[in-house]
C-alpha atoms as a PDB file:
ATOM      1  CA  MET A   1     -33.701  -9.785  69.106  1.00  0.00           C
ATOM      2  CA  SER A   2     -30.420  -9.179  70.900  1.00  0.00           C
ATOM      3  CA  THR A   3     -27.075 -10.333  69.555  1.00  0.00           C
ATOM      4  CA  GLN A   4     -26.559 -12.491  72.641  1.00  0.00           C
ATOM      5  CA  ASP A   5     -29.624 -14.571  71.783  1.00  0.00           C
ATOM      6  CA  ASP A   6     -28.532 -15.084  68.188  1.00  0.00           C
ATOM      7  CA  THR A   7     -26.296 -18.169  68.328  1.00  0.00           C
ATOM      8  CA  ARG A   8     -26.025 -18.439  64.530  1.00  0.00           C
ATOM      9  CA  PHE A   9     -22.961 -16.213  64.621  1.00  0.00           C
ATOM     10  CA  ALA A  10     -21.281 -17.641  67.715  1.00  0.00           C
ATOM     11  CA  PRO A  11     -17.616 -18.623  67.185  1.00  0.00           C
ATOM     12  CA  GLY A  12     -17.035 -22.339  66.696  1.00  0.00           C
ATOM     13  CA  LEU A  13     -20.538 -23.192  65.506  1.00  0.00           C
ATOM     14  CA  ILE A  14     -21.176 -24.569  62.049  1.00  0.00           C
ATOM     15  CA  ASP A  15     -23.501 -22.529  59.871  1.00  0.00           C
ATOM     16  CA  GLU A  16     -26.067 -25.115  58.705  1.00  0.00           C
ATOM     17  CA  THR A  17     -27.548 -22.660  56.195  1.00  0.00           C
ATOM     18  CA  ARG A  18     -24.560 -22.892  53.865  1.00  0.00           C
ATOM     19  CA  THR A  19     -25.187 -24.815  50.701  1.00  0.00           C
ATOM     20  CA  LYS A  20     -23.119 -27.914  50.140  1.00  0.00           C
ATOM     21  CA  GLU A  21     -21.430 -28.695  46.875  1.00  0.00           C
ATOM     22  CA  PRO A  22     -23.449 -31.320  45.002  1.00  0.00           C
ATOM     23  CA  ARG A  23     -21.940 -34.757  44.628  1.00  0.00           C
ATOM     24  CA  ARG A  24     -20.206 -35.176  41.276  1.00  0.00           C
ATOM     25  CA  PHE A  25     -20.223 -38.206  38.992  1.00  0.00           C
ATOM     26  CA  LYS A  26     -18.145 -39.118  35.979  1.00  0.00           C
ATOM     27  CA  VAL A  27     -19.933 -40.641  33.014  1.00  0.00           C
ATOM     28  CA  LEU A  28     -18.100 -43.575  31.448  1.00  0.00           C
ATOM     29  CA  LEU A  29     -18.531 -45.344  28.116  1.00  0.00           C
ATOM     30  CA  HIS A  30     -17.775 -49.077  27.997  1.00  0.00           C
ATOM     31  CA  ASN A  31     -16.151 -50.948  25.145  1.00  0.00           C
ATOM     32  CA  ASP A  32     -18.015 -53.697  23.315  1.00  0.00           C
ATOM     33  CA  ASP A  33     -17.342 -55.726  20.179  1.00  0.00           C
ATOM     34  CA  TYR A  34     -20.199 -54.284  18.094  1.00  0.00           C
ATOM     35  CA  THR A  35     -20.576 -50.518  18.472  1.00  0.00           C
ATOM     36  CA  SER A  36     -18.728 -48.683  15.714  1.00  0.00           C
ATOM     37  CA  MET A  37     -16.033 -46.158  16.520  1.00  0.00           C
ATOM     38  CA  GLU A  38     -17.909 -43.661  14.367  1.00  0.00           C
ATOM     39  CA  PHE A  39     -21.033 -44.005  16.499  1.00  0.00           C
ATOM     40  CA  VAL A  40     -19.058 -43.491  19.719  1.00  0.00           C
ATOM     41  CA  VAL A  41     -17.577 -40.291  18.246  1.00  0.00           C
ATOM     42  CA  HIS A  42     -21.088 -39.235  17.175  1.00  0.00           C
ATOM     43  CA  VAL A  43     -22.347 -39.679  20.770  1.00  0.00           C
ATOM     44  CA  LEU A  44     -19.369 -37.832  22.236  1.00  0.00           C
ATOM     45  CA  ARG A  45     -19.734 -34.904  19.857  1.00  0.00           C
ATOM     46  CA  GLY A  46     -23.526 -34.672  19.983  1.00  0.00           C
ATOM     47  CA  LEU A  47     -24.459 -35.531  23.552  1.00  0.00           C
ATOM     48  CA  PHE A  48     -21.290 -34.533  25.392  1.00  0.00           C
ATOM     49  CA  GLN A  49     -20.388 -31.553  23.158  1.00  0.00           C
ATOM     50  CA  LYS A  50     -16.790 -32.739  22.688  1.00  0.00           C
ATOM     51  CA  PRO A  51     -14.685 -31.272  19.880  1.00  0.00           C
ATOM     52  CA  GLU A  52     -13.530 -33.739  17.224  1.00  0.00           C
ATOM     53  CA  HIS A  53     -10.011 -34.264  18.624  1.00  0.00           C
ATOM     54  CA  GLU A  54     -11.272 -34.900  22.162  1.00  0.00           C
ATOM     55  CA  ALA A  55     -14.032 -37.219  20.941  1.00  0.00           C
ATOM     56  CA  MET A  56     -11.403 -39.233  19.046  1.00  0.00           C
ATOM     57  CA  ARG A  57      -9.172 -39.404  22.133  1.00  0.00           C
ATOM     58  CA  ILE A  58     -12.016 -40.641  24.353  1.00  0.00           C
ATOM     59  CA  MET A  59     -13.200 -43.124  21.704  1.00  0.00           C
ATOM     60  CA  LEU A  60      -9.675 -44.576  21.479  1.00  0.00           C
ATOM     61  CA  ALA A  61      -9.541 -44.903  25.281  1.00  0.00           C
ATOM     62  CA  VAL A  62     -12.841 -46.800  25.178  1.00  0.00           C
ATOM     63  CA  HIS A  63     -11.501 -49.021  22.404  1.00  0.00           C
ATOM     64  CA  LYS A  64      -8.035 -49.703  23.858  1.00  0.00           C
ATOM     65  CA  GLN A  65      -8.602 -49.519  27.631  1.00  0.00           C
ATOM     66  CA  GLY A  66     -12.213 -50.644  27.852  1.00  0.00           C
ATOM     67  CA  LEU A  67     -13.492 -47.381  29.388  1.00  0.00           C
ATOM     68  CA  GLY A  68     -13.550 -43.729  28.479  1.00  0.00           C
ATOM     69  CA  GLU A  69     -14.545 -40.775  30.643  1.00  0.00           C
ATOM     70  CA  CYS A  70     -17.014 -38.429  28.944  1.00  0.00           C
ATOM     71  CA  GLY A  71     -17.302 -35.762  31.630  1.00  0.00           C
ATOM     72  CA  ILE A  72     -18.131 -34.991  35.255  1.00  0.00           C
ATOM     73  CA  TYR A  73     -21.641 -33.880  36.195  1.00  0.00           C
ATOM     74  CA  THR A  74     -24.104 -33.640  39.062  1.00  0.00           C
ATOM     75  CA  ALA A  75     -26.062 -36.839  39.744  1.00  0.00           C
ATOM     76  CA  GLU A  76     -29.184 -35.802  37.830  1.00  0.00           C
ATOM     77  CA  VAL A  77     -27.264 -34.658  34.754  1.00  0.00           C
ATOM     78  CA  ALA A  78     -25.083 -37.796  34.787  1.00  0.00           C
ATOM     79  CA  GLU A  79     -28.159 -40.051  35.038  1.00  0.00           C
ATOM     80  CA  THR A  80     -29.771 -38.250  32.119  1.00  0.00           C
ATOM     81  CA  LYS A  81     -26.602 -38.567  30.013  1.00  0.00           C
ATOM     82  CA  VAL A  82     -26.347 -42.309  30.750  1.00  0.00           C
ATOM     83  CA  ASP A  83     -30.025 -42.839  29.852  1.00  0.00           C
ATOM     84  CA  THR A  84     -29.613 -40.798  26.660  1.00  0.00           C
ATOM     85  CA  VAL A  85     -26.551 -42.826  25.586  1.00  0.00           C
ATOM     86  CA  HIS A  86     -28.570 -46.017  26.027  1.00  0.00           C
ATOM     87  CA  ALA A  87     -31.526 -44.598  24.067  1.00  0.00           C
ATOM     88  CA  MET A  88     -29.283 -43.367  21.237  1.00  0.00           C
ATOM     89  CA  ALA A  89     -27.476 -46.720  21.076  1.00  0.00           C
ATOM     90  CA  LYS A  90     -30.713 -48.698  21.067  1.00  0.00           C
ATOM     91  CA  ALA A  91     -32.166 -46.529  18.297  1.00  0.00           C
ATOM     92  CA  ALA A  92     -29.013 -47.071  16.219  1.00  0.00           C
ATOM     93  CA  GLY A  93     -28.940 -50.815  16.907  1.00  0.00           C
ATOM     94  CA  PHE A  94     -25.787 -50.798  19.030  1.00  0.00           C
ATOM     95  CA  PRO A  95     -25.219 -52.290  22.511  1.00  0.00           C
ATOM     96  CA  LEU A  96     -23.133 -49.319  23.740  1.00  0.00           C
ATOM     97  CA  ARG A  97     -23.266 -49.041  27.528  1.00  0.00           C
ATOM     98  CA  ALA A  98     -22.595 -46.077  29.766  1.00  0.00           C
ATOM     99  CA  SER A  99     -22.328 -45.828  33.535  1.00  0.00           C
ATOM    100  CA  MET A 100     -21.698 -43.249  36.202  1.00  0.00           C
ATOM    101  CA  GLU A 101     -19.247 -43.350  39.069  1.00  0.00           C
ATOM    102  CA  GLU A 102     -18.932 -40.942  41.965  1.00  0.00           C
ATOM    103  CA  VAL A 103     -15.832 -38.777  41.852  1.00  0.00           C
END
């Protein structure tokens, strides 16, 4: 094949073979009147791998501001984290809710 016939490298054309960055989503925890602060810290440390001081900071944001950001992930990972929060909360008897929001 000659170089003239190969338009993939022509100036001004977009290379469609490049991979795009995946969309990113932040996972949020929502405040409620029943879930204990200790359980929220447990979720943040266990599921989101947050160190103690960061888990406490996020838990206080949830408590005082109504929302706390747990991390930013691809869509599939964020969905799994949200589902896991709900499963953990249900198993522990708490109504803790999580959601995801595109960054």
